[in-house]
Amino acid sequence: MHVTTDMIVGTGLIIALLAAILFGGSTELQTTLGSGLIGYLGRTAIENRKDDLK
């Protein structure tokens, strides 16, 4: 498996979100991390799809 920057950032966001949930982080922090994760993964998926179509 090839480790990319996208995988590292995505994994970091997931870990941060889970840590915020498990350790009682504020709702604002959890919402921000969740939104960032969805936005980042969505952008990455679109970029990967464009590369596949070439």
PDB file of N, CA and C in Angstrom:
ATOM      1  N   MET A   1       0.847  -1.172   0.000  1.00  0.00           N
ATOM      2  CA  MET A   1       0.000   0.000   0.000  1.00  0.00           C
ATOM      3  C   MET A   1       0.893   1.236   0.000  1.00  0.00           C
ATOM      4  N   HIS A   2       0.563   2.167  -0.856  1.00  0.00           N
ATOM      5  CA  HIS A   2       1.335   3.389  -1.014  1.00  0.00           C
ATOM      6  C   HIS A   2       0.787   4.476  -0.082  1.00  0.00           C
ATOM      7  N   VAL A   3       1.628   4.977   0.818  1.00  0.00           N
ATOM      8  CA  VAL A   3       1.207   6.015   1.763  1.00  0.00           C
ATOM      9  C   VAL A   3       1.356   7.378   1.087  1.00  0.00           C
ATOM     10  N   THR A   4       0.261   8.130   1.065  1.00  0.00           N
ATOM     11  CA  THR A   4       0.275   9.449   0.457  1.00  0.00           C
ATOM     12  C   THR A   4      -0.008  10.504   1.516  1.00  0.00           C
ATOM     13  N   THR A   5       0.225  11.733   1.145  1.00  0.00           N
ATOM     14  CA  THR A   5      -0.068  12.848   2.040  1.00  0.00           C
ATOM     15  C   THR A   5      -1.546  12.892   2.373  1.00  0.00           C
ATOM     16  N   ASP A   6      -2.394  12.592   1.407  1.00  0.00           N
ATOM     17  CA  ASP A   6      -3.838  12.574   1.644  1.00  0.00           C
ATOM     18  C   ASP A   6      -4.208  11.554   2.709  1.00  0.00           C
ATOM     19  N   MET A   7      -3.576  10.389   2.679  1.00  0.00           N
ATOM     20  CA  MET A   7      -3.860   9.366   3.677  1.00  0.00           C
ATOM     21  C   MET A   7      -3.425   9.811   5.070  1.00  0.00           C
ATOM     22  N   ILE A   8      -2.279  10.464   5.155  1.00  0.00           N
ATOM     23  CA  ILE A   8      -1.773  10.920   6.448  1.00  0.00           C
ATOM     24  C   ILE A   8      -2.685  11.993   7.032  1.00  0.00           C
ATOM     25  N   VAL A   9      -3.083  12.954   6.206  1.00  0.00           N
ATOM     26  CA  VAL A   9      -3.954  14.028   6.679  1.00  0.00           C
ATOM     27  C   VAL A   9      -5.321  13.479   7.058  1.00  0.00           C
ATOM     28  N   GLY A  10      -5.876  12.606   6.226  1.00  0.00           N
ATOM     29  CA  GLY A  10      -7.175  12.009   6.520  1.00  0.00           C
ATOM     30  C   GLY A  10      -7.150  11.206   7.815  1.00  0.00           C
ATOM     31  N   THR A  11      -6.109  10.419   7.999  1.00  0.00           N
ATOM     32  CA  THR A  11      -5.967   9.631   9.221  1.00  0.00           C
ATOM     33  C   THR A  11      -5.833  10.533  10.439  1.00  0.00           C
ATOM     34  N   GLY A  12      -5.080  11.600  10.302  1.00  0.00           N
ATOM     35  CA  GLY A  12      -4.924  12.545  11.407  1.00  0.00           C
ATOM     36  C   GLY A  12      -6.244  13.199  11.795  1.00  0.00           C
ATOM     37  N   LEU A  13      -7.034  13.565  10.804  1.00  0.00           N
ATOM     38  CA  LEU A  13      -8.342  14.161  11.090  1.00  0.00           C
ATOM     39  C   LEU A  13      -9.271  13.162  11.767  1.00  0.00           C
ATOM     40  N   ILE A  14      -9.238  11.914  11.333  1.00  0.00           N
ATOM     41  CA  ILE A  14     -10.068  10.885  11.959  1.00  0.00           C
ATOM     42  C   ILE A  14      -9.647  10.664  13.409  1.00  0.00           C
ATOM     43  N   ILE A  15      -8.359  10.556  13.640  1.00  0.00           N
ATOM     44  CA  ILE A  15      -7.855  10.357  15.000  1.00  0.00           C
ATOM     45  C   ILE A  15      -8.223  11.544  15.891  1.00  0.00           C
ATOM     46  N   ALA A  16      -8.069  12.751  15.367  1.00  0.00           N
ATOM     47  CA  ALA A  16      -8.407  13.939  16.145  1.00  0.00           C
ATOM     48  C   ALA A  16      -9.895  13.976  16.484  1.00  0.00           C
ATOM     49  N   LEU A  17     -10.744  13.610  15.527  1.00  0.00           N
ATOM     50  CA  LEU A  17     -12.189  13.589  15.768  1.00  0.00           C
ATOM     51  C   LEU A  17     -12.550  12.541  16.812  1.00  0.00           C
ATOM     52  N   LEU A  18     -11.993  11.352  16.690  1.00  0.00           N
ATOM     53  CA  LEU A  18     -12.269  10.308  17.676  1.00  0.00           C
ATOM     54  C   LEU A  18     -11.772  10.700  19.065  1.00  0.00           C
ATOM     55  N   ALA A  19     -10.605  11.322  19.138  1.00  0.00           N
ATOM     56  CA  ALA A  19     -10.071  11.766  20.428  1.00  0.00           C
ATOM     57  C   ALA A  19     -10.973  12.835  21.046  1.00  0.00           C
ATOM     58  N   ALA A  20     -11.459  13.757  20.219  1.00  0.00           N
ATOM     59  CA  ALA A  20     -12.352  14.803  20.722  1.00  0.00           C
ATOM     60  C   ALA A  20     -13.649  14.202  21.252  1.00  0.00           C
ATOM     61  N   ILE A  21     -14.148  13.167  20.587  1.00  0.00           N
ATOM     62  CA  ILE A  21     -15.382  12.519  21.038  1.00  0.00           C
ATOM     63  C   ILE A  21     -15.134  11.743  22.333  1.00  0.00           C
ATOM     64  N   LEU A  22     -14.079  10.944  22.350  1.00  0.00           N
ATOM     65  CA  LEU A  22     -13.806  10.076  23.501  1.00  0.00           C
ATOM     66  C   LEU A  22     -13.388  10.847  24.749  1.00  0.00           C
ATOM     67  N   PHE A  23     -12.648  11.937  24.567  1.00  0.00           N
ATOM     68  CA  PHE A  23     -12.141  12.672  25.722  1.00  0.00           C
ATOM     69  C   PHE A  23     -12.971  13.902  26.062  1.00  0.00           C
ATOM     70  N   GLY A  24     -14.145  14.004  25.470  1.00  0.00           N
ATOM     71  CA  GLY A  24     -15.076  15.061  25.853  1.00  0.00           C
ATOM     72  C   GLY A  24     -14.724  16.441  25.338  1.00  0.00           C
ATOM     73  N   GLY A  25     -14.200  16.519  24.125  1.00  0.00           N
ATOM     74  CA  GLY A  25     -13.926  17.824  23.525  1.00  0.00           C
ATOM     75  C   GLY A  25     -15.232  18.572  23.284  1.00  0.00           C
ATOM     76  N   SER A  26     -15.135  19.852  23.118  1.00  0.00           N
ATOM     77  CA  SER A  26     -16.339  20.661  22.928  1.00  0.00           C
ATOM     78  C   SER A  26     -17.064  20.266  21.643  1.00  0.00           C
ATOM     79  N   THR A  27     -18.350  20.532  21.644  1.00  0.00           N
ATOM     80  CA  THR A  27     -19.159  20.239  20.463  1.00  0.00           C
ATOM     81  C   THR A  27     -18.669  21.039  19.268  1.00  0.00           C
ATOM     82  N   GLU A  28     -18.234  22.260  19.510  1.00  0.00           N
ATOM     83  CA  GLU A  28     -17.719  23.097  18.419  1.00  0.00           C
ATOM     84  C   GLU A  28     -16.485  22.461  17.788  1.00  0.00           C
ATOM     85  N   LEU A  29     -15.586  21.937  18.609  1.00  0.00           N
ATOM     86  CA  LEU A  29     -14.387  21.271  18.103  1.00  0.00           C
ATOM     87  C   LEU A  29     -14.755  20.037  17.289  1.00  0.00           C
ATOM     88  N   GLN A  30     -15.676  19.236  17.795  1.00  0.00           N
ATOM     89  CA  GLN A  30     -16.094  18.031  17.091  1.00  0.00           C
ATOM     90  C   GLN A  30     -16.742  18.372  15.754  1.00  0.00           C
ATOM     91  N   THR A  31     -17.563  19.402  15.750  1.00  0.00           N
ATOM     92  CA  THR A  31     -18.225  19.821  14.512  1.00  0.00           C
ATOM     93  C   THR A  31     -17.209  20.319  13.491  1.00  0.00           C
ATOM     94  N   THR A  32     -16.253  21.094  13.954  1.00  0.00           N
ATOM     95  CA  THR A  32     -15.226  21.635  13.062  1.00  0.00           C
ATOM     96  C   THR A  32     -14.382  20.509  12.468  1.00  0.00           C
ATOM     97  N   LEU A  33     -13.974  19.561  13.295  1.00  0.00           N
ATOM     98  CA  LEU A  33     -13.176  18.437  12.802  1.00  0.00           C
ATOM     99  C   LEU A  33     -13.978  17.581  11.821  1.00  0.00           C
ATOM    100  N   GLY A  34     -15.240  17.329  12.132  1.00  0.00           N
ATOM    101  CA  GLY A  34     -16.084  16.545  11.236  1.00  0.00           C
ATOM    102  C   GLY A  34     -16.282  17.229   9.896  1.00  0.00           C
ATOM    103  N   SER A  35     -16.532  18.528   9.927  1.00  0.00           N
ATOM    104  CA  SER A  35     -16.713  19.279   8.681  1.00  0.00           C
ATOM    105  C   SER A  35     -15.425  19.304   7.868  1.00  0.00           C
ATOM    106  N   GLY A  36     -14.312  19.500   8.543  1.00  0.00           N
ATOM    107  CA  GLY A  36     -13.022  19.500   7.853  1.00  0.00           C
ATOM    108  C   GLY A  36     -12.723  18.157   7.215  1.00  0.00           C
ATOM    109  N   LEU A  37     -13.053  17.089   7.933  1.00  0.00           N
ATOM    110  CA  LEU A  37     -12.822  15.747   7.410  1.00  0.00           C
ATOM    111  C   LEU A  37     -13.671  15.482   6.172  1.00  0.00           C
ATOM    112  N   ILE A  38     -14.934  15.835   6.240  1.00  0.00           N
ATOM    113  CA  ILE A  38     -15.821  15.628   5.093  1.00  0.00           C
ATOM    114  C   ILE A  38     -15.351  16.455   3.895  1.00  0.00           C
ATOM    115  N   GLY A  39     -15.007  17.705   4.122  1.00  0.00           N
ATOM    116  CA  GLY A  39     -14.543  18.565   3.037  1.00  0.00           C
ATOM    117  C   GLY A  39     -13.252  18.077   2.422  1.00  0.00           C
ATOM    118  N   TYR A  40     -12.304  17.675   3.265  1.00  0.00           N
ATOM    119  CA  TYR A  40     -11.015  17.213   2.766  1.00  0.00           C
ATOM    120  C   TYR A  40     -11.161  15.927   1.968  1.00  0.00           C
ATOM    121  N   LEU A  41     -11.905  14.962   2.516  1.00  0.00           N
ATOM    122  CA  LEU A  41     -12.075  13.695   1.812  1.00  0.00           C
ATOM    123  C   LEU A  41     -12.886  13.873   0.534  1.00  0.00           C
ATOM    124  N   GLY A  42     -13.851  14.780   0.553  1.00  0.00           N
ATOM    125  CA  GLY A  42     -14.621  15.057  -0.661  1.00  0.00           C
ATOM    126  C   GLY A  42     -13.753  15.633  -1.755  1.00  0.00           C
ATOM    127  N   ARG A  43     -12.890  16.567  -1.402  1.00  0.00           N
ATOM    128  CA  ARG A  43     -11.981  17.170  -2.383  1.00  0.00           C
ATOM    129  C   ARG A  43     -11.009  16.124  -2.919  1.00  0.00           C
ATOM    130  N   THR A  44     -10.502  15.290  -2.041  1.00  0.00           N
ATOM    131  CA  THR A  44      -9.568  14.243  -2.448  1.00  0.00           C
ATOM    132  C   THR A  44     -10.245  13.243  -3.381  1.00  0.00           C
ATOM    133  N   ALA A  45     -11.477  12.865  -3.079  1.00  0.00           N
ATOM    134  CA  ALA A  45     -12.203  11.918  -3.925  1.00  0.00           C
ATOM    135  C   ALA A  45     -12.437  12.498  -5.318  1.00  0.00           C
ATOM    136  N   ILE A  46     -12.766  13.778  -5.394  1.00  0.00           N
ATOM    137  CA  ILE A  46     -12.990  14.417  -6.695  1.00  0.00           C
ATOM    138  C   ILE A  46     -11.694  14.464  -7.495  1.00  0.00           C
ATOM    139  N   GLU A  47     -10.582  14.804  -6.833  1.00  0.00           N
ATOM    140  CA  GLU A  47      -9.301  14.846  -7.521  1.00  0.00           C
ATOM    141  C   GLU A  47      -8.901  13.462  -8.026  1.00  0.00           C
ATOM    142  N   ASN A  48      -9.107  12.448  -7.202  1.00  0.00           N
ATOM    143  CA  ASN A  48      -8.748  11.075  -7.606  1.00  0.00           C
ATOM    144  C   ASN A  48      -9.627  10.613  -8.752  1.00  0.00           C
ATOM    145  N   ARG A  49     -10.878  10.994  -8.760  1.00  0.00           N
ATOM    146  CA  ARG A  49     -11.794  10.604  -9.830  1.00  0.00           C
ATOM    147  C   ARG A  49     -11.368  11.260 -11.147  1.00  0.00           C
ATOM    148  N   LYS A  50     -10.953  12.527 -11.085  1.00  0.00           N
ATOM    149  CA  LYS A  50     -10.494  13.218 -12.301  1.00  0.00           C
ATOM    150  C   LYS A  50      -9.244  12.527 -12.854  1.00  0.00           C
ATOM    151  N   ASP A  51      -8.346  12.080 -11.947  1.00  0.00           N
ATOM    152  CA  ASP A  51      -7.139  11.386 -12.398  1.00  0.00           C
ATOM    153  C   ASP A  51      -7.481  10.064 -13.053  1.00  0.00           C
ATOM    154  N   ASP A  52      -8.501   9.368 -12.545  1.00  0.00           N
ATOM    155  CA  ASP A  52      -8.897   8.082 -13.110  1.00  0.00           C
ATOM    156  C   ASP A  52      -9.505   8.246 -14.514  1.00  0.00           C
ATOM    157  N   LEU A  53     -10.137   9.380 -14.762  1.00  0.00           N
ATOM    158  CA  LEU A  53     -10.784   9.601 -16.052  1.00  0.00           C
ATOM    159  C   LEU A  53      -9.798   9.983 -17.159  1.00  0.00           C
ATOM    160  N   LYS A  54      -8.594  10.359 -16.796  1.00  0.00           N
ATOM    161  CA  LYS A  54      -7.598  10.765 -17.797  1.00  0.00           C
ATOM    162  C   LYS A  54      -7.061   9.585 -18.550  1.00  0.00           C
TER     163      LYS A  54
END
